[in-house]
């Protein structure tokens, strides 16, 4: 039963992506759907990163002693000004490491 579930989920993901990537299939998304899909990446990243930033195990992290929060805020500010993803990732990781040492 588990293998059947794994195979079926793999098939669903494959055909889902194949419909949009195959050049011979005439699937086109409307501009409204494209606009809505552009918000999915920030929403998913926020849902993944939010609990990591805010919680330590089952407790809230204190704001003054939270290197995750300082690293995330630094990354947001850098991303706004630099527009270079690699530089933002490297510099925000360095900020996070520095804050872990300091705090």
C-alpha atoms as a PDB file:
ATOM      1  CA  UNK A   1       0.000   0.000   0.000  1.00  0.00           C
ATOM      2  CA  UNK A   2       2.838   2.418   0.804  1.00  0.00           C
ATOM      3  CA  UNK A   3       4.579   1.695  -2.505  1.00  0.00           C
ATOM      4  CA  UNK A   4       1.344   2.240  -4.391  1.00  0.00           C
ATOM      5  CA  UNK A   5       0.929   5.623  -2.679  1.00  0.00           C
ATOM      6  CA  UNK A   6       4.521   6.605  -3.497  1.00  0.00           C
ATOM      7  CA  UNK A   7       4.154   5.605  -7.161  1.00  0.00           C
ATOM      8  CA  UNK A   8       0.805   7.383  -7.515  1.00  0.00           C
ATOM      9  CA  UNK A   9       2.116  10.577  -5.917  1.00  0.00           C
ATOM     10  CA  UNK A  10       5.158  10.460  -8.201  1.00  0.00           C
ATOM     11  CA  UNK A  11       2.899  10.034 -11.234  1.00  0.00           C
ATOM     12  CA  UNK A  12       0.697  12.933 -10.148  1.00  0.00           C
ATOM     13  CA  UNK A  13       3.701  15.224  -9.682  1.00  0.00           C
ATOM     14  CA  UNK A  14       5.229  14.124 -13.003  1.00  0.00           C
ATOM     15  CA  UNK A  15       2.085  14.700 -15.061  1.00  0.00           C
ATOM     16  CA  UNK A  16       1.374  17.945 -13.262  1.00  0.00           C
ATOM     17  CA  UNK A  17       4.766  19.313 -14.287  1.00  0.00           C
ATOM     18  CA  UNK A  18       4.779  17.671 -17.708  1.00  0.00           C
ATOM     19  CA  UNK A  19       1.635  19.543 -18.736  1.00  0.00           C
ATOM     20  CA  UNK A  20       3.393  22.878 -18.287  1.00  0.00           C
ATOM     21  CA  UNK A  21       6.855  21.907 -19.562  1.00  0.00           C
ATOM     22  CA  UNK A  22       6.030  19.855 -22.664  1.00  0.00           C
ATOM     23  CA  UNK A  23       6.372  22.109 -25.716  1.00  0.00           C
ATOM     24  CA  UNK A  24       3.776  20.226 -27.787  1.00  0.00           C
ATOM     25  CA  UNK A  25       0.940  20.511 -25.281  1.00  0.00           C
ATOM     26  CA  UNK A  26      -1.076  23.709 -25.794  1.00  0.00           C
ATOM     27  CA  UNK A  27      -1.585  24.525 -22.118  1.00  0.00           C
ATOM     28  CA  UNK A  28      -1.517  28.255 -21.421  1.00  0.00           C
ATOM     29  CA  UNK A  29      -2.336  29.976 -18.168  1.00  0.00           C
ATOM     30  CA  UNK A  30      -4.414  33.110 -18.046  1.00  0.00           C
ATOM     31  CA  UNK A  31      -2.756  36.310 -16.806  1.00  0.00           C
ATOM     32  CA  UNK A  32      -4.851  36.189 -13.624  1.00  0.00           C
ATOM     33  CA  UNK A  33      -3.645  32.661 -12.797  1.00  0.00           C
ATOM     34  CA  UNK A  34      -0.040  33.693 -13.497  1.00  0.00           C
ATOM     35  CA  UNK A  35      -0.450  36.626 -11.133  1.00  0.00           C
ATOM     36  CA  UNK A  36      -1.908  34.392  -8.436  1.00  0.00           C
ATOM     37  CA  UNK A  37       0.889  31.833  -8.861  1.00  0.00           C
ATOM     38  CA  UNK A  38       3.525  34.539  -8.466  1.00  0.00           C
ATOM     39  CA  UNK A  39       2.473  34.841  -4.809  1.00  0.00           C
ATOM     40  CA  UNK A  40       2.890  31.133  -4.057  1.00  0.00           C
ATOM     41  CA  UNK A  41       6.678  31.152  -3.588  1.00  0.00           C
ATOM     42  CA  UNK A  42       6.762  33.920  -0.943  1.00  0.00           C
ATOM     43  CA  UNK A  43       3.780  32.352   0.821  1.00  0.00           C
ATOM     44  CA  UNK A  44       5.389  28.912   1.013  1.00  0.00           C
ATOM     45  CA  UNK A  45       8.762  30.311   2.100  1.00  0.00           C
ATOM     46  CA  UNK A  46       7.067  32.351   4.819  1.00  0.00           C
ATOM     47  CA  UNK A  47       5.162  29.299   6.029  1.00  0.00           C
ATOM     48  CA  UNK A  48       8.383  27.278   6.198  1.00  0.00           C
ATOM     49  CA  UNK A  49      10.682  29.945   7.669  1.00  0.00           C
ATOM     50  CA  UNK A  50       8.252  31.618  10.081  1.00  0.00           C
ATOM     51  CA  UNK A  51       8.161  28.862  12.699  1.00  0.00           C
ATOM     52  CA  UNK A  52      11.927  28.354  12.460  1.00  0.00           C
ATOM     53  CA  UNK A  53      12.516  32.046  13.137  1.00  0.00           C
ATOM     54  CA  UNK A  54       9.941  32.391  15.912  1.00  0.00           C
ATOM     55  CA  UNK A  55      10.245  29.121  17.847  1.00  0.00           C
ATOM     56  CA  UNK A  56      12.941  27.104  19.557  1.00  0.00           C
ATOM     57  CA  UNK A  57      11.520  23.625  20.138  1.00  0.00           C
ATOM     58  CA  UNK A  58       8.136  24.512  21.665  1.00  0.00           C
ATOM     59  CA  UNK A  59       9.028  27.938  23.052  1.00  0.00           C
ATOM     60  CA  UNK A  60       9.073  31.439  21.601  1.00  0.00           C
ATOM     61  CA  UNK A  61      12.556  32.794  20.978  1.00  0.00           C
ATOM     62  CA  UNK A  62      13.163  36.085  22.821  1.00  0.00           C
ATOM     63  CA  UNK A  63      13.355  38.902  20.280  1.00  0.00           C
ATOM     64  CA  UNK A  64      16.506  40.431  21.749  1.00  0.00           C
ATOM     65  CA  UNK A  65      18.341  37.071  21.639  1.00  0.00           C
ATOM     66  CA  UNK A  66      17.079  35.727  18.320  1.00  0.00           C
ATOM     67  CA  UNK A  67      19.826  35.428  15.679  1.00  0.00           C
ATOM     68  CA  UNK A  68      17.301  33.882  13.272  1.00  0.00           C
ATOM     69  CA  UNK A  69      15.199  37.044  13.391  1.00  0.00           C
ATOM     70  CA  UNK A  70      18.186  39.330  12.860  1.00  0.00           C
ATOM     71  CA  UNK A  71      19.410  37.180   9.968  1.00  0.00           C
ATOM     72  CA  UNK A  72      15.968  37.164   8.349  1.00  0.00           C
ATOM     73  CA  UNK A  73      15.499  40.920   8.701  1.00  0.00           C
ATOM     74  CA  UNK A  74      19.002  41.512   7.345  1.00  0.00           C
ATOM     75  CA  UNK A  75      18.216  39.243   4.368  1.00  0.00           C
ATOM     76  CA  UNK A  76      14.987  41.133   3.633  1.00  0.00           C
ATOM     77  CA  UNK A  77      16.745  44.503   3.674  1.00  0.00           C
ATOM     78  CA  UNK A  78      19.613  43.190   1.528  1.00  0.00           C
ATOM     79  CA  UNK A  79      17.227  41.620  -0.979  1.00  0.00           C
ATOM     80  CA  UNK A  80      15.406  44.921  -1.337  1.00  0.00           C
ATOM     81  CA  UNK A  81      18.591  46.846  -2.102  1.00  0.00           C
ATOM     82  CA  UNK A  82      20.919  44.355  -3.816  1.00  0.00           C
ATOM     83  CA  UNK A  83      18.614  42.263  -6.037  1.00  0.00           C
ATOM     84  CA  UNK A  84      21.343  39.590  -6.185  1.00  0.00           C
ATOM     85  CA  UNK A  85      20.205  36.327  -4.618  1.00  0.00           C
ATOM     86  CA  UNK A  86      23.649  34.788  -4.152  1.00  0.00           C
ATOM     87  CA  UNK A  87      25.013  37.886  -2.424  1.00  0.00           C
ATOM     88  CA  UNK A  88      21.931  38.096  -0.195  1.00  0.00           C
ATOM     89  CA  UNK A  89      22.225  34.446   0.845  1.00  0.00           C
ATOM     90  CA  UNK A  90      25.949  34.647   1.594  1.00  0.00           C
ATOM     91  CA  UNK A  91      25.789  37.966   3.444  1.00  0.00           C
ATOM     92  CA  UNK A  92      22.712  37.041   5.465  1.00  0.00           C
ATOM     93  CA  UNK A  93      24.319  33.730   6.454  1.00  0.00           C
ATOM     94  CA  UNK A  94      27.393  35.613   7.600  1.00  0.00           C
ATOM     95  CA  UNK A  95      25.163  37.960   9.602  1.00  0.00           C
ATOM     96  CA  UNK A  96      23.383  34.965  11.143  1.00  0.00           C
ATOM     97  CA  UNK A  97      26.691  33.312  12.113  1.00  0.00           C
ATOM     98  CA  UNK A  98      27.965  36.571  13.569  1.00  0.00           C
ATOM     99  CA  UNK A  99      24.781  37.019  15.597  1.00  0.00           C
ATOM    100  CA  UNK A 100      25.000  33.439  16.911  1.00  0.00           C
ATOM    101  CA  UNK A 101      28.531  34.142  18.126  1.00  0.00           C
ATOM    102  CA  UNK A 102      27.630  37.491  19.653  1.00  0.00           C
ATOM    103  CA  UNK A 103      24.328  36.431  21.239  1.00  0.00           C
END
